[in-house]
Amino acid sequence: MEHAANGRQALSAGLIGARIERLPISRWHVRARILIGTATFFDAFDALATAQALPVIVPAWHLTSPQAGFVISAAYVGQIFGSLFFGWLAERHGRVRALALAITIFAVMSIACGMADSYHHLLVFRIIQGFGLGGEVPIAATYISEIAKAHGRGKFVLLYENLFAFGLVISGFIGSLVVPTFGWRVMFFAGATPLILVPIMLARLPESPRWLAARGRLEEADAALSTIEAEVVRTKGPLAPVPPVVPVELVKGSWRDILGPGNVGKTIVVWTLWFTGYLVYYGLGTWMPTLYRTVFNLDVAHSLRLGMFANFAVFGGSLACALLIDRLGRRRLFVITLVGEGASLLLLWAIGAQSVVQVAVLTSLACFFAGSAGISAYLYTPEVYPTRSRAMATALGSSWLRLASMLGPSIVGLMVGGGIGTVFLLFAIVPLMASAIVGALAVETAGRSLEEISG
């Protein structure tokens, strides 16, 4: 291989990173994104499958409202623990193995959910399924970030991450067609599709060379990267010279990488992005059909159709973020989206939320900005932490998403009795405060290699 000219004595974690930086986007990168992206799509699909099935399950099993709500929340509880466990596993045993196990768990339990014959069985299966769901997305984001080079990394990573937002939209659409015709169990059975991908991933995706190098397994990192380089050469021709090597200190990862002196600021930014973006989306997105029905007295069909606007707006915001974040820079885009999110809801509160049109337009606009703020966390989190702690930091950050997904709907339920305006005011204040925090503390990472940012 071409890198042999560097000499075996020069083999280092910094050199592995530099060799990744010279790789053009190739057929190998596309295949990796398709394999992992398909699993991420079904992660989102499975996350909302229960919401599509509940309208049938509730009357059939005579569930109370608290029981129905707990079926949804149970998966998020599992996701919190799953994200932390798989973050730990990915740091110790590799990204690909952890990812394959997480996918296997959530896919197998999707089949189990489809076969459930009682409320208690479904509840247990959803908790275990959530355990796998919580692990897949942050580990997948970590792997995709580690195979990307600095130039265009935002677009490269976020176009992949848009498959999650797309999965949320498609889940609702497919559910409206499948459940009435074929029954609710089919939704869960369809969610097991990623099982097909597991053996393919294990056979075709090498372990992250950056992770191997950070663990001191330099020969294995060299072999994995050589395999990737050979395929890139076959499709793209000779590689460019290796860029300057950024020295990387090989030390064991620890909590100091996340919460130690000098790292608290970036962790506050990361957790703020995760929590704020998804608090608004899950809070308003899940409640808007009910608010249209109960506050504005629309029929069910119109309420559901208007509620879909929030899902489409989130997807649109996610896509816009992917296309603009390298051009605008991370920090500037964060501030724009958080201010836009808060200002939309503040305006809605100020004008009194008097009509359906006002509410539909301004909440959809808020969800557009929330989608952009939320998905940007998947890019920014792996960027600002060193390879030795990247998966754990991303998993820990994503646990704030799970917390927001539980708190958001609960807050709306508690506050809506005091008037719909108070709900919009609260959800306006949170992102506006977050914009000040992020604007003051965020570190710009656009155009910088992972080694340059954090080592």
Protein backbone atom coordinates (compact mmCIF):
# COMPACT_ATOMS: atom_id res chain seq x y z
CA MET A 1 0.00 0.00 0.00
CA GLU A 2 0.99 3.61 -0.62
CA HIS A 3 1.23 4.42 3.07
CA ALA A 4 4.11 1.98 3.47
CA ALA A 5 6.38 4.76 2.32
CA ASN A 6 5.73 6.42 5.63
CA GLY A 7 7.52 3.55 7.36
CA ARG A 8 6.16 1.24 10.02
CA GLN A 9 7.77 3.30 12.75
CA ALA A 10 5.59 6.24 11.71
CA LEU A 11 2.38 4.28 12.26
CA SER A 12 0.36 6.18 14.86
CA ALA A 13 -3.16 7.26 15.74
CA GLY A 14 -2.40 10.63 14.17
CA LEU A 15 -1.33 9.00 10.92
CA ILE A 16 -4.50 6.89 10.81
CA GLY A 17 -6.57 10.06 11.14
CA ALA A 18 -4.51 11.82 8.47
CA ARG A 19 -5.02 8.95 6.03
CA ILE A 20 -8.77 9.10 6.60
CA GLU A 21 -8.66 12.84 5.88
CA ARG A 22 -7.31 12.28 2.37
CA LEU A 23 -10.02 9.81 1.31
CA PRO A 24 -12.55 11.18 -1.19
CA ILE A 25 -16.21 10.21 -0.80
CA SER A 26 -16.44 6.88 -2.59
CA ARG A 27 -18.64 3.88 -3.22
CA TRP A 28 -17.41 2.42 0.07
CA HIS A 29 -18.65 5.46 2.01
CA VAL A 30 -22.01 5.29 0.25
CA ARG A 31 -22.38 1.61 1.08
CA ALA A 32 -21.51 2.22 4.72
CA ARG A 33 -24.09 4.98 4.97
CA ILE A 34 -26.75 2.84 3.27
CA LEU A 35 -26.16 -0.14 5.57
CA ILE A 36 -26.13 1.87 8.78
CA GLY A 37 -28.70 4.35 7.50
CA THR A 38 -31.25 1.62 6.80
CA ALA A 39 -30.96 0.47 10.39
CA THR A 40 -31.34 4.08 11.58
CA PHE A 41 -34.45 4.49 9.42
CA PHE A 42 -36.06 1.48 11.09
CA ASP A 43 -34.93 2.72 14.50
CA ALA A 44 -37.16 5.75 13.92
CA PHE A 45 -39.86 3.56 12.37
CA ASP A 46 -39.97 1.27 15.39
CA ALA A 47 -39.88 4.19 17.79
CA LEU A 48 -43.30 5.34 16.51
CA ALA A 49 -44.81 1.95 15.65
CA THR A 50 -46.60 1.80 18.99
CA ALA A 51 -48.25 5.18 18.39
CA GLN A 52 -49.67 3.80 15.16
CA ALA A 53 -50.84 0.59 16.82
CA LEU A 54 -52.40 2.06 19.97
CA PRO A 55 -55.67 3.29 18.39
CA VAL A 56 -56.45 -0.38 17.70
CA ILE A 57 -54.89 -1.91 20.82
CA VAL A 58 -56.56 0.42 23.35
CA PRO A 59 -60.17 -0.61 22.63
CA ALA A 60 -59.25 -4.23 21.89
CA TRP A 61 -57.44 -4.71 25.22
CA HIS A 62 -59.59 -2.20 27.15
CA LEU A 63 -56.58 -0.14 28.18
CA THR A 64 -56.89 2.97 30.33
CA SER A 65 -55.25 6.23 29.26
CA PRO A 66 -52.42 5.84 31.82
CA GLN A 67 -51.74 2.31 30.54
CA ALA A 68 -51.61 3.52 26.95
CA GLY A 69 -49.29 6.34 27.91
CA PHE A 70 -46.98 4.03 29.80
CA VAL A 71 -46.61 1.72 26.78
CA ILE A 72 -45.15 4.68 24.91
CA SER A 73 -43.01 5.94 27.79
CA ALA A 74 -41.66 2.48 28.60
CA ALA A 75 -39.63 2.41 25.40
CA TYR A 76 -38.00 5.73 26.29
CA VAL A 77 -37.00 4.37 29.69
CA GLY A 78 -35.34 1.45 27.93
CA GLN A 79 -33.65 3.86 25.52
CA ILE A 80 -31.97 5.82 28.31
CA PHE A 81 -30.38 2.70 29.75
CA GLY A 82 -29.64 1.32 26.29
CA SER A 83 -27.81 4.45 25.16
CA LEU A 84 -25.56 4.36 28.23
CA PHE A 85 -24.88 0.63 28.04
CA PHE A 86 -24.06 0.61 24.34
CA GLY A 87 -21.94 3.73 24.70
CA TRP A 88 -19.85 1.83 27.24
CA LEU A 89 -19.81 -1.28 25.03
CA ALA A 90 -18.73 0.64 21.93
CA GLU A 91 -15.77 2.16 23.78
CA ARG A 92 -14.53 -1.23 24.91
CA HIS A 93 -15.45 -3.67 22.17
CA GLY A 94 -15.83 -1.55 19.07
CA ARG A 95 -18.44 0.41 17.17
CA VAL A 96 -19.49 -2.30 14.70
CA ARG A 97 -20.06 -5.06 17.27
CA ALA A 98 -22.02 -2.76 19.57
CA LEU A 99 -24.09 -1.53 16.64
CA ALA A 100 -24.85 -5.06 15.45
CA LEU A 101 -25.99 -6.13 18.93
CA ALA A 102 -28.21 -3.08 19.38
CA ILE A 103 -29.87 -3.67 15.99
CA THR A 104 -30.39 -7.34 16.78
CA ILE A 105 -32.09 -6.55 20.09
CA PHE A 106 -34.51 -3.95 18.77
CA ALA A 107 -35.36 -6.00 15.65
CA VAL A 108 -35.98 -9.25 17.55
CA MET A 109 -38.08 -7.44 20.12
CA SER A 110 -40.07 -5.82 17.33
CA ILE A 111 -41.16 -9.34 16.34
CA ALA A 112 -41.94 -10.06 20.00
CA CYS A 113 -44.09 -6.91 20.19
CA GLY A 114 -45.98 -8.05 17.12
CA MET A 115 -46.72 -11.38 18.82
CA ALA A 116 -47.71 -9.88 22.18
CA ASP A 117 -51.07 -11.13 23.45
CA SER A 118 -51.49 -8.88 26.48
CA TYR A 119 -50.73 -5.41 27.81
CA HIS A 120 -48.09 -6.67 30.22
CA HIS A 121 -46.25 -8.66 27.55
CA LEU A 122 -46.23 -5.68 25.19
CA LEU A 123 -44.96 -3.44 27.99
CA VAL A 124 -42.03 -5.72 28.78
CA PHE A 125 -41.16 -6.21 25.11
CA ARG A 126 -41.23 -2.45 24.49
CA ILE A 127 -38.85 -1.78 27.38
CA ILE A 128 -36.36 -4.32 26.01
CA GLN A 129 -36.86 -3.04 22.47
CA GLY A 130 -36.17 0.48 23.70
CA PHE A 131 -32.89 -0.80 25.17
CA GLY A 132 -31.72 -1.68 21.65
CA LEU A 133 -33.23 1.41 20.04
CA GLY A 134 -31.39 3.66 22.49
CA GLY A 135 -28.04 2.14 21.58
CA GLU A 136 -28.28 2.14 17.78
CA VAL A 137 -28.51 5.83 16.90
CA PRO A 138 -25.62 7.32 18.97
CA ILE A 139 -23.22 4.50 18.05
CA ALA A 140 -24.16 4.78 14.39
CA ALA A 141 -23.56 8.55 14.52
CA THR A 142 -20.16 7.94 16.10
CA TYR A 143 -19.09 5.47 13.39
CA ILE A 144 -20.26 7.70 10.53
CA SER A 145 -18.39 10.67 12.04
CA GLU A 146 -15.19 8.66 12.43
CA ILE A 147 -15.08 7.62 8.77
CA ALA A 148 -15.71 11.19 7.54
CA LYS A 149 -13.06 13.75 6.67
CA ALA A 150 -13.16 17.36 7.84
CA HIS A 151 -14.15 18.97 4.54
CA GLY A 152 -17.90 18.56 4.10
CA ARG A 153 -18.28 16.42 7.23
CA GLY A 154 -21.45 18.25 8.28
CA LYS A 155 -23.28 17.47 5.06
CA PHE A 156 -21.86 13.93 4.93
CA VAL A 157 -23.04 13.05 8.44
CA LEU A 158 -26.35 14.92 8.47
CA LEU A 159 -27.64 13.65 5.13
CA TYR A 160 -27.26 10.21 6.70
CA GLU A 161 -28.94 11.35 9.93
CA ASN A 162 -31.92 12.64 7.91
CA LEU A 163 -32.92 9.03 7.46
CA PHE A 164 -34.04 9.10 11.11
CA ALA A 165 -36.25 12.14 10.51
CA PHE A 166 -37.51 10.53 7.30
CA GLY A 167 -38.32 7.37 9.24
CA LEU A 168 -40.50 9.39 11.63
CA VAL A 169 -42.49 10.79 8.70
CA ILE A 170 -42.82 7.47 6.85
CA SER A 171 -43.85 5.61 10.01
CA GLY A 172 -46.94 7.79 10.33
CA PHE A 173 -47.78 7.50 6.65
CA ILE A 174 -47.33 3.73 6.45
CA GLY A 175 -49.19 3.22 9.72
CA SER A 176 -52.23 5.06 8.37
CA LEU A 177 -52.30 2.63 5.43
CA VAL A 178 -51.17 -0.65 6.98
CA VAL A 179 -52.90 -0.73 10.36
CA PRO A 180 -56.51 -0.34 9.11
CA THR A 181 -55.95 -2.91 6.33
CA PHE A 182 -53.59 -5.54 7.74
CA GLY A 183 -53.70 -4.94 11.49
CA TRP A 184 -51.35 -3.42 14.05
CA ARG A 185 -49.06 -6.46 14.34
CA VAL A 186 -47.74 -5.95 10.80
CA MET A 187 -46.19 -2.63 11.83
CA PHE A 188 -44.00 -4.39 14.37
CA PHE A 189 -43.13 -7.26 12.05
CA ALA A 190 -41.99 -4.75 9.43
CA GLY A 191 -39.77 -3.16 12.06
CA ALA A 192 -37.70 -6.35 12.25
CA THR A 193 -36.32 -5.84 8.72
CA PRO A 194 -32.86 -4.68 9.95
CA LEU A 195 -32.13 -8.24 11.12
CA ILE A 196 -31.18 -8.92 7.50
CA LEU A 197 -28.51 -6.24 7.72
CA VAL A 198 -26.63 -7.54 10.76
CA PRO A 199 -24.57 -10.30 9.06
CA ILE A 200 -23.91 -8.00 6.09
CA MET A 201 -22.64 -5.24 8.39
CA LEU A 202 -20.38 -7.62 10.28
CA ALA A 203 -18.96 -8.96 7.01
CA ARG A 204 -18.63 -5.73 5.01
CA LEU A 205 -17.97 -2.94 7.52
CA PRO A 206 -14.47 -2.85 9.05
CA GLU A 207 -14.14 -1.62 12.59
CA SER A 208 -13.56 2.12 12.91
CA PRO A 209 -9.84 2.67 12.24
CA ARG A 210 -9.90 5.73 14.48
CA TRP A 211 -11.27 3.66 17.39
CA LEU A 212 -8.73 0.88 16.85
CA ALA A 213 -5.91 3.41 16.77
CA ALA A 214 -7.16 5.16 19.91
CA ARG A 215 -7.09 1.78 21.69
CA GLY A 216 -3.46 1.32 20.69
CA ARG A 217 -4.35 -1.45 18.20
CA LEU A 218 -2.39 0.25 15.45
CA GLU A 219 -1.73 -2.81 13.29
CA GLU A 220 -5.46 -3.62 13.22
CA ALA A 221 -6.27 0.02 12.46
CA ASP A 222 -3.76 -0.07 9.63
CA ALA A 223 -5.29 -3.27 8.22
CA ALA A 224 -8.87 -1.95 8.43
CA LEU A 225 -7.95 1.34 6.80
CA SER A 226 -5.88 -0.41 4.12
CA THR A 227 -8.99 -2.37 3.13
CA ILE A 228 -10.96 0.87 2.79
CA GLU A 229 -8.13 2.58 0.89
CA ALA A 230 -7.87 -0.31 -1.58
CA GLU A 231 -11.56 -0.05 -2.43
CA VAL A 232 -11.39 3.72 -2.75
CA VAL A 233 -8.43 3.40 -5.13
CA ARG A 234 -10.38 0.93 -7.30
CA THR A 235 -13.22 3.41 -7.76
CA LYS A 236 -11.52 6.80 -7.43
CA GLY A 237 -7.95 6.25 -8.59
CA PRO A 238 -4.71 7.07 -6.76
CA LEU A 239 -5.00 8.77 -3.39
CA ALA A 240 -3.72 12.23 -2.58
CA PRO A 241 -0.62 12.57 -0.39
CA VAL A 242 -1.14 12.13 3.33
CA PRO A 243 -1.81 15.56 4.90
CA PRO A 244 0.15 16.77 7.93
CA VAL A 245 -0.29 14.47 10.91
CA VAL A 246 -1.91 15.86 14.05
CA PRO A 247 -0.34 14.15 17.09
CA VAL A 248 -2.81 12.12 19.17
CA GLU A 249 -2.05 11.15 22.74
CA LEU A 250 -2.98 7.53 23.46
CA VAL A 251 -4.54 7.65 26.91
CA LYS A 252 -7.47 5.78 28.38
CA GLY A 253 -10.84 7.48 28.14
CA SER A 254 -12.42 8.75 31.33
CA TRP A 255 -15.24 10.92 32.62
CA ARG A 256 -12.79 13.82 32.66
CA ASP A 257 -13.11 13.90 28.85
CA ILE A 258 -16.78 14.78 29.35
CA LEU A 259 -17.05 16.54 32.71
CA GLY A 260 -13.48 17.45 33.61
CA PRO A 261 -11.93 20.94 33.67
CA GLY A 262 -11.92 22.46 30.20
CA ASN A 263 -14.65 20.10 28.97
CA VAL A 264 -17.68 21.20 30.98
CA GLY A 265 -18.49 24.04 28.60
CA LYS A 266 -18.74 21.88 25.50
CA THR A 267 -20.76 19.29 27.43
CA ILE A 268 -23.24 21.98 28.49
CA VAL A 269 -23.61 22.96 24.82
CA VAL A 270 -24.09 19.36 23.73
CA TRP A 271 -26.68 18.54 26.38
CA THR A 272 -28.50 21.81 25.71
CA LEU A 273 -28.78 21.00 22.00
CA TRP A 274 -30.08 17.49 22.63
CA PHE A 275 -32.62 18.51 25.25
CA THR A 276 -33.95 21.72 23.73
CA GLY A 277 -34.48 20.57 20.16
CA TYR A 278 -36.33 17.42 21.13
CA LEU A 279 -38.28 18.91 24.05
CA VAL A 280 -40.19 21.13 21.63
CA TYR A 281 -40.58 18.48 18.93
CA TYR A 282 -41.81 15.70 21.19
CA GLY A 283 -43.80 18.08 23.36
CA LEU A 284 -45.68 19.80 20.56
CA GLY A 285 -45.39 17.13 17.87
CA THR A 286 -47.13 14.46 19.92
CA TRP A 287 -49.81 16.77 21.30
CA MET A 288 -50.80 18.91 18.30
CA PRO A 289 -53.45 16.51 16.90
CA THR A 290 -55.06 16.35 20.35
CA LEU A 291 -54.91 20.14 20.75
CA TYR A 292 -56.55 20.65 17.37
CA ARG A 293 -59.27 18.22 18.42
CA THR A 294 -59.90 19.51 21.94
CA VAL A 295 -59.13 23.24 21.71
CA PHE A 296 -60.34 24.01 18.19
CA ASN A 297 -62.97 21.23 17.97
CA LEU A 298 -61.74 19.82 14.65
CA ASP A 299 -62.73 16.31 13.64
CA VAL A 300 -60.22 13.49 13.99
CA ALA A 301 -59.25 13.34 10.32
CA HIS A 302 -58.46 17.07 10.09
CA SER A 303 -56.62 16.99 13.43
CA LEU A 304 -54.36 14.17 12.28
CA ARG A 305 -53.64 15.81 8.93
CA LEU A 306 -52.71 19.11 10.55
CA GLY A 307 -50.60 17.23 13.09
CA MET A 308 -48.59 15.73 10.23
CA PHE A 309 -47.35 19.23 9.36
CA ALA A 310 -45.08 19.09 12.41
CA ASN A 311 -43.43 15.87 11.19
CA PHE A 312 -42.86 17.26 7.71
CA ALA A 313 -41.52 20.49 9.20
CA VAL A 314 -39.02 18.56 11.33
CA PHE A 315 -37.81 16.68 8.26
CA GLY A 316 -37.52 19.93 6.30
CA GLY A 317 -35.51 21.55 9.09
CA SER A 318 -33.22 18.53 9.31
CA LEU A 319 -32.57 18.60 5.58
CA ALA A 320 -31.91 22.34 5.58
CA CYS A 321 -29.44 21.87 8.43
CA ALA A 322 -27.53 19.22 6.47
CA LEU A 323 -27.21 21.50 3.45
CA LEU A 324 -26.26 24.68 5.34
CA ILE A 325 -24.22 23.69 8.38
CA ASP A 326 -20.82 23.53 6.64
CA ARG A 327 -21.45 26.88 4.97
CA LEU A 328 -22.80 28.74 8.00
CA GLY A 329 -20.69 27.00 10.63
CA ARG A 330 -21.91 25.08 13.66
CA ARG A 331 -22.25 27.88 16.21
CA ARG A 332 -24.01 30.33 13.89
CA LEU A 333 -26.51 27.72 12.75
CA PHE A 334 -27.19 26.64 16.36
CA VAL A 335 -28.03 30.19 17.39
CA ILE A 336 -30.20 30.83 14.32
CA THR A 337 -32.25 27.68 14.82
CA LEU A 338 -32.73 28.10 18.57
CA VAL A 339 -33.75 31.75 18.20
CA GLY A 340 -36.06 30.85 15.32
CA GLU A 341 -37.64 28.08 17.37
CA GLY A 342 -38.24 30.32 20.37
CA ALA A 343 -39.33 33.39 18.39
CA SER A 344 -41.97 31.42 16.47
CA LEU A 345 -43.63 30.25 19.67
CA LEU A 346 -43.19 33.58 21.41
CA LEU A 347 -45.03 35.26 18.53
CA LEU A 348 -47.79 32.66 18.74
CA TRP A 349 -48.19 33.37 22.45
CA ALA A 350 -48.14 37.14 21.88
CA ILE A 351 -50.93 37.07 19.27
CA GLY A 352 -53.01 34.80 21.47
CA ALA A 353 -53.10 31.62 19.35
CA GLN A 354 -56.60 32.60 18.26
CA SER A 355 -56.98 30.53 15.10
CA VAL A 356 -56.09 27.14 13.69
CA VAL A 357 -54.11 28.79 10.89
CA GLN A 358 -51.95 30.74 13.35
CA VAL A 359 -51.24 27.65 15.41
CA ALA A 360 -50.57 25.37 12.42
CA VAL A 361 -48.19 27.82 10.71
CA LEU A 362 -46.19 28.94 13.73
CA THR A 363 -45.91 25.56 15.46
CA SER A 364 -44.79 24.03 12.17
CA LEU A 365 -42.20 26.80 11.83
CA ALA A 366 -41.02 26.11 15.39
CA CYS A 367 -40.75 22.39 14.58
CA PHE A 368 -38.76 23.25 11.44
CA PHE A 369 -36.16 25.03 13.57
CA ALA A 370 -36.38 22.36 16.29
CA GLY A 371 -35.64 19.67 13.70
CA SER A 372 -32.53 21.55 12.64
CA ALA A 373 -31.35 22.14 16.22
CA GLY A 374 -32.02 18.55 17.21
CA ILE A 375 -30.29 16.81 14.32
CA SER A 376 -27.25 19.06 14.61
CA ALA A 377 -26.53 17.42 17.97
CA TYR A 378 -25.83 14.13 16.15
CA LEU A 379 -23.05 15.87 14.23
CA TYR A 380 -21.62 18.17 16.88
CA THR A 381 -21.39 15.68 19.76
CA PRO A 382 -18.99 13.21 18.08
CA GLU A 383 -16.92 16.13 16.80
CA VAL A 384 -16.04 17.74 20.12
CA TYR A 385 -14.98 14.67 22.11
CA PRO A 386 -11.82 12.56 21.65
CA THR A 387 -12.07 9.14 20.03
CA ARG A 388 -11.35 7.39 23.34
CA SER A 389 -14.62 8.76 24.80
CA ARG A 390 -16.63 9.69 21.71
CA ALA A 391 -19.20 6.87 21.78
CA MET A 392 -19.87 7.23 25.50
CA ALA A 393 -20.20 11.01 25.23
CA THR A 394 -22.60 10.69 22.29
CA ALA A 395 -24.66 8.07 24.09
CA LEU A 396 -24.80 10.20 27.22
CA GLY A 397 -25.82 13.23 25.18
CA SER A 398 -28.57 11.30 23.41
CA SER A 399 -29.97 10.27 26.79
CA TRP A 400 -31.05 13.92 27.12
CA LEU A 401 -33.11 13.36 23.96
CA ARG A 402 -34.85 10.47 25.72
CA LEU A 403 -35.46 12.61 28.79
CA ALA A 404 -36.89 15.40 26.62
CA SER A 405 -39.12 12.92 24.80
CA MET A 406 -40.63 11.89 28.14
CA LEU A 407 -40.85 15.35 29.71
CA GLY A 408 -42.15 17.28 26.70
CA PRO A 409 -45.54 15.54 26.38
CA SER A 410 -45.94 15.45 30.16
CA ILE A 411 -45.36 19.20 30.46
CA VAL A 412 -48.00 19.90 27.82
CA GLY A 413 -50.45 17.62 29.60
CA LEU A 414 -49.90 19.39 32.91
CA MET A 415 -50.03 22.94 31.55
CA VAL A 416 -52.68 22.83 28.84
CA GLY A 417 -55.43 23.15 31.45
CA GLY A 418 -54.19 26.67 32.18
CA GLY A 419 -54.60 27.65 28.54
CA ILE A 420 -52.81 26.79 25.34
CA GLY A 421 -50.93 30.09 25.43
CA THR A 422 -48.97 29.15 28.54
CA VAL A 423 -47.72 26.03 26.77
CA PHE A 424 -46.36 28.06 23.84
CA LEU A 425 -44.78 30.61 26.18
CA LEU A 426 -42.86 27.96 28.12
CA PHE A 427 -41.64 26.25 24.96
CA ALA A 428 -40.54 29.65 23.64
CA ILE A 429 -38.48 30.56 26.72
CA VAL A 430 -36.46 27.32 26.77
CA PRO A 431 -34.84 27.61 23.28
CA LEU A 432 -34.28 31.36 23.67
CA MET A 433 -32.33 30.71 26.87
CA ALA A 434 -30.51 27.87 25.13
CA SER A 435 -29.45 30.17 22.28
CA ALA A 436 -27.62 32.40 24.76
CA ILE A 437 -25.84 29.43 26.34
CA VAL A 438 -24.81 27.89 23.02
CA GLY A 439 -23.77 31.21 21.51
CA ALA A 440 -21.46 31.87 24.45
CA LEU A 441 -19.92 28.40 24.87
CA ALA A 442 -20.00 26.54 21.53
CA VAL A 443 -16.66 25.85 19.85
CA GLU A 444 -16.60 26.06 16.05
CA THR A 445 -15.66 22.72 14.48
CA ALA A 446 -16.42 23.20 10.77
CA GLY A 447 -13.53 22.31 8.48
CA ARG A 448 -11.37 20.83 11.25
CA SER A 449 -10.39 17.18 11.55
CA LEU A 450 -11.51 15.19 14.58
CA GLU A 451 -7.89 14.92 15.70
CA GLU A 452 -7.41 18.68 15.43
CA ILE A 453 -10.58 19.40 17.43
CA SER A 454 -10.12 17.03 20.31
CA GLY A 455 -7.37 14.52 19.74
